Amino acid sequence: MRQCLVVDDSRVMRKVARAILETLDYDTTEAEGADGALAFCRERMPEVILLDLNLPNIDGVQFLRHLRRVPGGTRPFVVFSTMENDIARITQAFQAGANDFVLKPYDRSTIQSKLAAAGLA
C-alpha cells in the first residue's frame, strides 16, 4: 500500500483528505504542521505528500525547501493545496519543489486525477 502524508493545520481538511486518500488505497498519516511532517519524513519518507501552503510557523514553501534537502526528500510527489490563486505564491511553491497543486476545496476526482497523472493512482 502506498503511503501519503497529509499536512494541514485544519483538522477538518486533514480528515477530508484522509477519507479521500483511503478510498484510493493509500495508507495515510496526518501532520498538523511542518515540524511534525518533517519528523515523519525523516523516519519514513512517504510516496505522496498533500501539503497546505498556509501553515503556521513554517509555511508550506519553507517546508518544501527543508524537505527537498532531507535524505530521500526529493522522492515524494508533493501536491500543495491552497485557497489562493496568487500566481507569485504558486510559482514560489513550484520553485521550492512542489510537483502539482489543487485549489481548496478539492474532491476525490481532483485528487485522483492528480495522482493518476503522476502514475500514482
N, C-alpha and C. Protein backbone atom coordinates (compact mmCIF):
# COMPACT_ATOMS: atom_id res chain seq x y z
N MET A 1 0.84 -1.18 0.00
CA MET A 1 0.00 0.00 0.00
C MET A 1 0.89 1.24 0.00
N ARG A 2 0.53 2.21 -0.81
CA ARG A 2 1.29 3.45 -0.88
C ARG A 2 1.03 4.32 0.35
N GLN A 3 2.04 5.12 0.68
CA GLN A 3 1.98 5.98 1.86
C GLN A 3 1.80 7.44 1.43
N CYS A 4 0.86 8.14 2.07
CA CYS A 4 0.65 9.57 1.85
C CYS A 4 0.66 10.29 3.19
N LEU A 5 1.31 11.42 3.22
CA LEU A 5 1.31 12.29 4.38
C LEU A 5 0.47 13.52 4.05
N VAL A 6 -0.53 13.79 4.87
CA VAL A 6 -1.37 14.96 4.71
C VAL A 6 -0.93 15.99 5.74
N VAL A 7 -0.51 17.16 5.27
CA VAL A 7 -0.02 18.22 6.15
C VAL A 7 -0.96 19.41 6.02
N ASP A 8 -1.71 19.66 7.07
CA ASP A 8 -2.66 20.77 7.06
C ASP A 8 -2.97 21.15 8.50
N ASP A 9 -3.04 22.44 8.79
CA ASP A 9 -3.35 22.86 10.15
C ASP A 9 -4.84 22.75 10.47
N SER A 10 -5.66 22.51 9.46
CA SER A 10 -7.09 22.32 9.67
C SER A 10 -7.40 20.84 9.88
N ARG A 11 -7.92 20.53 11.05
CA ARG A 11 -8.28 19.14 11.34
C ARG A 11 -9.32 18.63 10.34
N VAL A 12 -10.27 19.47 9.98
CA VAL A 12 -11.32 19.08 9.03
C VAL A 12 -10.71 18.73 7.67
N MET A 13 -9.81 19.57 7.18
CA MET A 13 -9.18 19.29 5.88
C MET A 13 -8.33 18.01 5.93
N ARG A 14 -7.66 17.77 7.05
CA ARG A 14 -6.90 16.52 7.18
C ARG A 14 -7.82 15.32 7.10
N LYS A 15 -8.96 15.40 7.79
CA LYS A 15 -9.91 14.27 7.79
C LYS A 15 -10.52 14.05 6.42
N VAL A 16 -10.85 15.14 5.72
CA VAL A 16 -11.40 15.03 4.36
C VAL A 16 -10.36 14.39 3.44
N ALA A 17 -9.14 14.88 3.50
CA ALA A 17 -8.07 14.32 2.67
C ALA A 17 -7.83 12.85 2.98
N ARG A 18 -7.80 12.51 4.27
CA ARG A 18 -7.60 11.11 4.67
C ARG A 18 -8.69 10.22 4.09
N ALA A 19 -9.93 10.66 4.21
CA ALA A 19 -11.06 9.87 3.69
C ALA A 19 -10.91 9.66 2.18
N ILE A 20 -10.55 10.70 1.46
CA ILE A 20 -10.36 10.58 0.01
C ILE A 20 -9.22 9.62 -0.30
N LEU A 21 -8.08 9.81 0.33
CA LEU A 21 -6.90 9.01 0.03
C LEU A 21 -7.09 7.55 0.40
N GLU A 22 -7.80 7.29 1.48
CA GLU A 22 -8.03 5.90 1.86
C GLU A 22 -8.92 5.18 0.85
N THR A 23 -9.84 5.90 0.20
CA THR A 23 -10.63 5.25 -0.87
C THR A 23 -9.78 4.97 -2.10
N LEU A 24 -8.62 5.63 -2.18
CA LEU A 24 -7.69 5.39 -3.29
C LEU A 24 -6.57 4.42 -2.88
N ASP A 25 -6.80 3.71 -1.77
CA ASP A 25 -5.88 2.70 -1.26
C ASP A 25 -4.53 3.25 -0.80
N TYR A 26 -4.55 4.41 -0.17
CA TYR A 26 -3.35 4.97 0.43
C TYR A 26 -3.39 4.79 1.94
N ASP A 27 -2.26 4.39 2.50
CA ASP A 27 -2.06 4.40 3.94
C ASP A 27 -1.73 5.86 4.27
N THR A 28 -2.58 6.51 5.04
CA THR A 28 -2.48 7.95 5.22
C THR A 28 -2.13 8.33 6.65
N THR A 29 -1.16 9.22 6.77
CA THR A 29 -0.75 9.78 8.04
C THR A 29 -1.01 11.27 8.00
N GLU A 30 -1.37 11.84 9.15
CA GLU A 30 -1.67 13.26 9.23
C GLU A 30 -0.63 13.98 10.06
N ALA A 31 -0.34 15.22 9.65
CA ALA A 31 0.52 16.12 10.43
C ALA A 31 -0.14 17.49 10.45
N GLU A 32 -0.16 18.09 11.62
CA GLU A 32 -0.80 19.40 11.79
C GLU A 32 0.09 20.54 11.32
N GLY A 33 1.40 20.32 11.33
CA GLY A 33 2.33 21.37 10.94
C GLY A 33 3.59 20.82 10.31
N ALA A 34 4.44 21.74 9.89
CA ALA A 34 5.67 21.37 9.19
C ALA A 34 6.65 20.61 10.06
N ASP A 35 6.76 20.98 11.33
CA ASP A 35 7.72 20.29 12.21
C ASP A 35 7.39 18.80 12.31
N GLY A 36 6.13 18.49 12.58
CA GLY A 36 5.71 17.09 12.67
C GLY A 36 5.86 16.36 11.35
N ALA A 37 5.58 17.07 10.27
CA ALA A 37 5.71 16.46 8.94
C ALA A 37 7.17 16.14 8.62
N LEU A 38 8.06 17.06 8.93
CA LEU A 38 9.49 16.81 8.68
C LEU A 38 10.00 15.66 9.53
N ALA A 39 9.56 15.59 10.78
CA ALA A 39 9.98 14.48 11.65
C ALA A 39 9.50 13.16 11.07
N PHE A 40 8.26 13.12 10.59
CA PHE A 40 7.74 11.89 9.98
C PHE A 40 8.57 11.52 8.75
N CYS A 41 8.88 12.50 7.91
CA CYS A 41 9.63 12.23 6.68
C CYS A 41 11.04 11.72 6.96
N ARG A 42 11.61 12.16 8.05
CA ARG A 42 12.95 11.67 8.41
C ARG A 42 12.91 10.21 8.83
N GLU A 43 11.79 9.78 9.39
CA GLU A 43 11.64 8.39 9.82
C GLU A 43 11.15 7.48 8.71
N ARG A 44 10.19 7.96 7.95
CA ARG A 44 9.57 7.14 6.91
C ARG A 44 9.09 8.06 5.79
N MET A 45 9.87 8.16 4.73
CA MET A 45 9.56 9.07 3.64
C MET A 45 8.35 8.53 2.86
N PRO A 46 7.26 9.31 2.78
CA PRO A 46 6.08 8.85 2.05
C PRO A 46 6.29 9.00 0.54
N GLU A 47 5.43 8.34 -0.22
CA GLU A 47 5.47 8.48 -1.68
C GLU A 47 4.81 9.76 -2.14
N VAL A 48 3.78 10.18 -1.38
CA VAL A 48 3.00 11.37 -1.73
C VAL A 48 2.82 12.23 -0.50
N ILE A 49 2.88 13.55 -0.70
CA ILE A 49 2.58 14.50 0.37
C ILE A 49 1.54 15.47 -0.17
N LEU A 50 0.43 15.58 0.54
CA LEU A 50 -0.59 16.58 0.25
C LEU A 50 -0.37 17.69 1.26
N LEU A 51 0.06 18.85 0.79
CA LEU A 51 0.61 19.90 1.65
C LEU A 51 -0.17 21.20 1.54
N ASP A 52 -0.66 21.68 2.66
CA ASP A 52 -1.28 23.00 2.73
C ASP A 52 -0.16 24.04 2.69
N LEU A 53 -0.31 25.06 1.85
CA LEU A 53 0.72 26.10 1.78
C LEU A 53 0.69 27.04 2.98
N ASN A 54 -0.45 27.22 3.56
CA ASN A 54 -0.60 28.20 4.64
C ASN A 54 -0.58 27.53 6.00
N LEU A 55 0.62 27.18 6.43
CA LEU A 55 0.81 26.56 7.73
C LEU A 55 1.36 27.59 8.72
N PRO A 56 1.06 27.43 10.00
CA PRO A 56 1.65 28.35 10.99
C PRO A 56 3.13 28.02 11.20
N ASN A 57 3.88 28.99 11.66
CA ASN A 57 5.31 28.87 11.96
C ASN A 57 6.12 28.66 10.68
N ILE A 58 6.21 27.45 10.21
CA ILE A 58 6.93 27.15 8.97
C ILE A 58 5.87 26.91 7.90
N ASP A 59 5.81 27.79 6.89
CA ASP A 59 4.76 27.64 5.87
C ASP A 59 5.13 26.53 4.88
N GLY A 60 4.22 26.26 3.98
CA GLY A 60 4.41 25.16 3.04
C GLY A 60 5.62 25.31 2.14
N VAL A 61 5.91 26.52 1.71
CA VAL A 61 7.08 26.76 0.86
C VAL A 61 8.37 26.46 1.63
N GLN A 62 8.44 26.94 2.87
CA GLN A 62 9.62 26.66 3.69
C GLN A 62 9.74 25.16 3.96
N PHE A 63 8.60 24.49 4.21
CA PHE A 63 8.60 23.05 4.41
C PHE A 63 9.20 22.35 3.19
N LEU A 64 8.77 22.75 2.00
CA LEU A 64 9.28 22.13 0.77
C LEU A 64 10.79 22.30 0.65
N ARG A 65 11.27 23.48 0.97
CA ARG A 65 12.73 23.72 0.90
C ARG A 65 13.48 22.81 1.86
N HIS A 66 12.95 22.64 3.07
CA HIS A 66 13.58 21.73 4.04
C HIS A 66 13.47 20.27 3.56
N LEU A 67 12.28 19.89 3.12
CA LEU A 67 12.04 18.51 2.68
C LEU A 67 13.01 18.09 1.58
N ARG A 68 13.16 18.91 0.59
CA ARG A 68 13.98 18.54 -0.57
C ARG A 68 15.46 18.41 -0.21
N ARG A 69 15.87 18.88 0.97
CA ARG A 69 17.27 18.73 1.43
C ARG A 69 17.47 17.52 2.34
N VAL A 70 16.37 16.92 2.80
CA VAL A 70 16.44 15.75 3.67
C VAL A 70 16.81 14.53 2.80
N PRO A 71 17.64 13.61 3.31
CA PRO A 71 17.94 12.40 2.53
C PRO A 71 16.63 11.71 2.10
N GLY A 72 16.50 11.49 0.81
CA GLY A 72 15.29 10.89 0.25
C GLY A 72 14.17 11.88 0.01
N GLY A 73 14.40 13.14 0.36
CA GLY A 73 13.36 14.16 0.27
C GLY A 73 13.01 14.62 -1.13
N THR A 74 13.78 14.19 -2.10
CA THR A 74 13.43 14.54 -3.49
C THR A 74 12.45 13.54 -4.07
N ARG A 75 12.25 12.42 -3.38
CA ARG A 75 11.41 11.34 -3.88
C ARG A 75 9.90 11.60 -3.81
N PRO A 76 9.36 12.15 -2.74
CA PRO A 76 7.89 12.25 -2.68
C PRO A 76 7.31 13.17 -3.76
N PHE A 77 6.16 12.76 -4.25
CA PHE A 77 5.37 13.59 -5.15
C PHE A 77 4.57 14.51 -4.25
N VAL A 78 4.81 15.81 -4.35
CA VAL A 78 4.17 16.79 -3.46
C VAL A 78 3.11 17.58 -4.21
N VAL A 79 1.89 17.46 -3.71
CA VAL A 79 0.77 18.23 -4.23
C VAL A 79 0.43 19.25 -3.16
N PHE A 80 0.59 20.53 -3.48
CA PHE A 80 0.22 21.52 -2.47
C PHE A 80 -1.20 21.98 -2.69
N SER A 81 -1.82 22.34 -1.60
CA SER A 81 -3.21 22.80 -1.66
C SER A 81 -3.30 24.20 -1.09
N THR A 82 -4.16 24.99 -1.68
CA THR A 82 -4.31 26.38 -1.26
C THR A 82 -5.68 26.89 -1.65
N MET A 83 -6.12 27.92 -0.96
CA MET A 83 -7.36 28.60 -1.31
C MET A 83 -7.05 29.83 -2.16
N GLU A 84 -5.78 30.17 -2.27
CA GLU A 84 -5.33 31.35 -3.00
C GLU A 84 -5.09 31.00 -4.47
N ASN A 85 -5.28 31.99 -5.33
CA ASN A 85 -4.87 31.79 -6.72
C ASN A 85 -3.82 32.84 -7.10
N ASP A 86 -2.98 33.15 -6.12
CA ASP A 86 -1.89 34.11 -6.28
C ASP A 86 -0.76 33.44 -7.07
N ILE A 87 -0.57 33.89 -8.30
CA ILE A 87 0.42 33.28 -9.19
C ILE A 87 1.83 33.32 -8.60
N ALA A 88 2.19 34.42 -7.94
CA ALA A 88 3.53 34.52 -7.34
C ALA A 88 3.72 33.46 -6.27
N ARG A 89 2.71 33.24 -5.45
CA ARG A 89 2.79 32.23 -4.37
C ARG A 89 2.86 30.82 -4.96
N ILE A 90 2.06 30.57 -5.96
CA ILE A 90 2.07 29.26 -6.63
C ILE A 90 3.43 29.02 -7.27
N THR A 91 3.99 30.04 -7.90
CA THR A 91 5.31 29.92 -8.51
C THR A 91 6.37 29.62 -7.45
N GLN A 92 6.29 30.28 -6.31
CA GLN A 92 7.23 30.01 -5.20
C GLN A 92 7.19 28.54 -4.80
N ALA A 93 5.99 28.00 -4.71
CA ALA A 93 5.84 26.60 -4.30
C ALA A 93 6.50 25.66 -5.32
N PHE A 94 6.29 25.93 -6.59
CA PHE A 94 6.92 25.09 -7.62
C PHE A 94 8.44 25.25 -7.59
N GLN A 95 8.92 26.45 -7.40
CA GLN A 95 10.37 26.67 -7.32
C GLN A 95 10.98 25.97 -6.11
N ALA A 96 10.20 25.82 -5.05
CA ALA A 96 10.68 25.16 -3.83
C ALA A 96 10.64 23.63 -3.96
N GLY A 97 9.97 23.12 -4.99
CA GLY A 97 9.99 21.67 -5.20
C GLY A 97 8.65 20.99 -5.28
N ALA A 98 7.55 21.73 -5.32
CA ALA A 98 6.23 21.10 -5.47
C ALA A 98 6.11 20.49 -6.87
N ASN A 99 5.34 19.42 -6.96
CA ASN A 99 5.12 18.76 -8.24
C ASN A 99 3.79 19.16 -8.89
N ASP A 100 2.80 19.49 -8.07
CA ASP A 100 1.48 19.82 -8.59
C ASP A 100 0.72 20.58 -7.52
N PHE A 101 -0.49 21.06 -7.86
CA PHE A 101 -1.29 21.75 -6.85
C PHE A 101 -2.77 21.55 -7.11
N VAL A 102 -3.54 21.76 -6.03
CA VAL A 102 -5.00 21.74 -6.11
C VAL A 102 -5.52 22.94 -5.34
N LEU A 103 -6.63 23.47 -5.83
CA LEU A 103 -7.30 24.54 -5.10
C LEU A 103 -8.29 23.94 -4.13
N LYS A 104 -8.36 24.53 -2.94
CA LYS A 104 -9.36 24.10 -1.95
C LYS A 104 -10.66 24.80 -2.26
N PRO A 105 -11.77 24.19 -2.04
CA PRO A 105 -11.92 22.81 -1.58
C PRO A 105 -11.73 21.85 -2.76
N TYR A 106 -11.17 20.71 -2.49
CA TYR A 106 -10.96 19.70 -3.53
C TYR A 106 -11.83 18.49 -3.22
N ASP A 107 -11.93 17.61 -4.21
CA ASP A 107 -12.74 16.40 -4.03
C ASP A 107 -11.94 15.18 -4.49
N ARG A 108 -12.58 14.04 -4.40
CA ARG A 108 -11.91 12.78 -4.72
C ARG A 108 -11.42 12.75 -6.17
N SER A 109 -12.26 13.19 -7.10
CA SER A 109 -11.87 13.12 -8.51
C SER A 109 -10.68 14.02 -8.81
N THR A 110 -10.59 15.16 -8.14
CA THR A 110 -9.45 16.06 -8.35
C THR A 110 -8.16 15.42 -7.86
N ILE A 111 -8.20 14.89 -6.65
CA ILE A 111 -7.02 14.22 -6.09
C ILE A 111 -6.64 13.00 -6.93
N GLN A 112 -7.62 12.22 -7.29
CA GLN A 112 -7.35 11.02 -8.09
C GLN A 112 -6.73 11.39 -9.42
N SER A 113 -7.21 12.43 -10.07
CA SER A 113 -6.64 12.82 -11.38
C SER A 113 -5.19 13.29 -11.24
N LYS A 114 -4.88 14.01 -10.17
CA LYS A 114 -3.51 14.47 -9.94
C LYS A 114 -2.58 13.27 -9.73
N LEU A 115 -3.03 12.33 -8.93
CA LEU A 115 -2.20 11.14 -8.67
C LEU A 115 -2.09 10.26 -9.89
N ALA A 116 -3.16 10.14 -10.64
CA ALA A 116 -3.14 9.32 -11.87
C ALA A 116 -2.18 9.92 -12.89
N ALA A 117 -2.18 11.24 -13.03
CA ALA A 117 -1.28 11.90 -13.98
C ALA A 117 0.19 11.64 -13.61
N ALA A 118 0.45 11.43 -12.33
CA ALA A 118 1.80 11.14 -11.86
C ALA A 118 2.10 9.65 -11.82
N GLY A 119 1.12 8.82 -12.23
CA GLY A 119 1.31 7.38 -12.17
C GLY A 119 1.19 6.81 -10.78
N LEU A 120 0.47 7.50 -9.91
CA LEU A 120 0.38 7.11 -8.51
C LEU A 120 -1.03 6.73 -8.05
N ALA A 121 -1.95 6.54 -8.99
CA ALA A 121 -3.32 6.18 -8.60
C ALA A 121 -3.69 4.83 -9.16
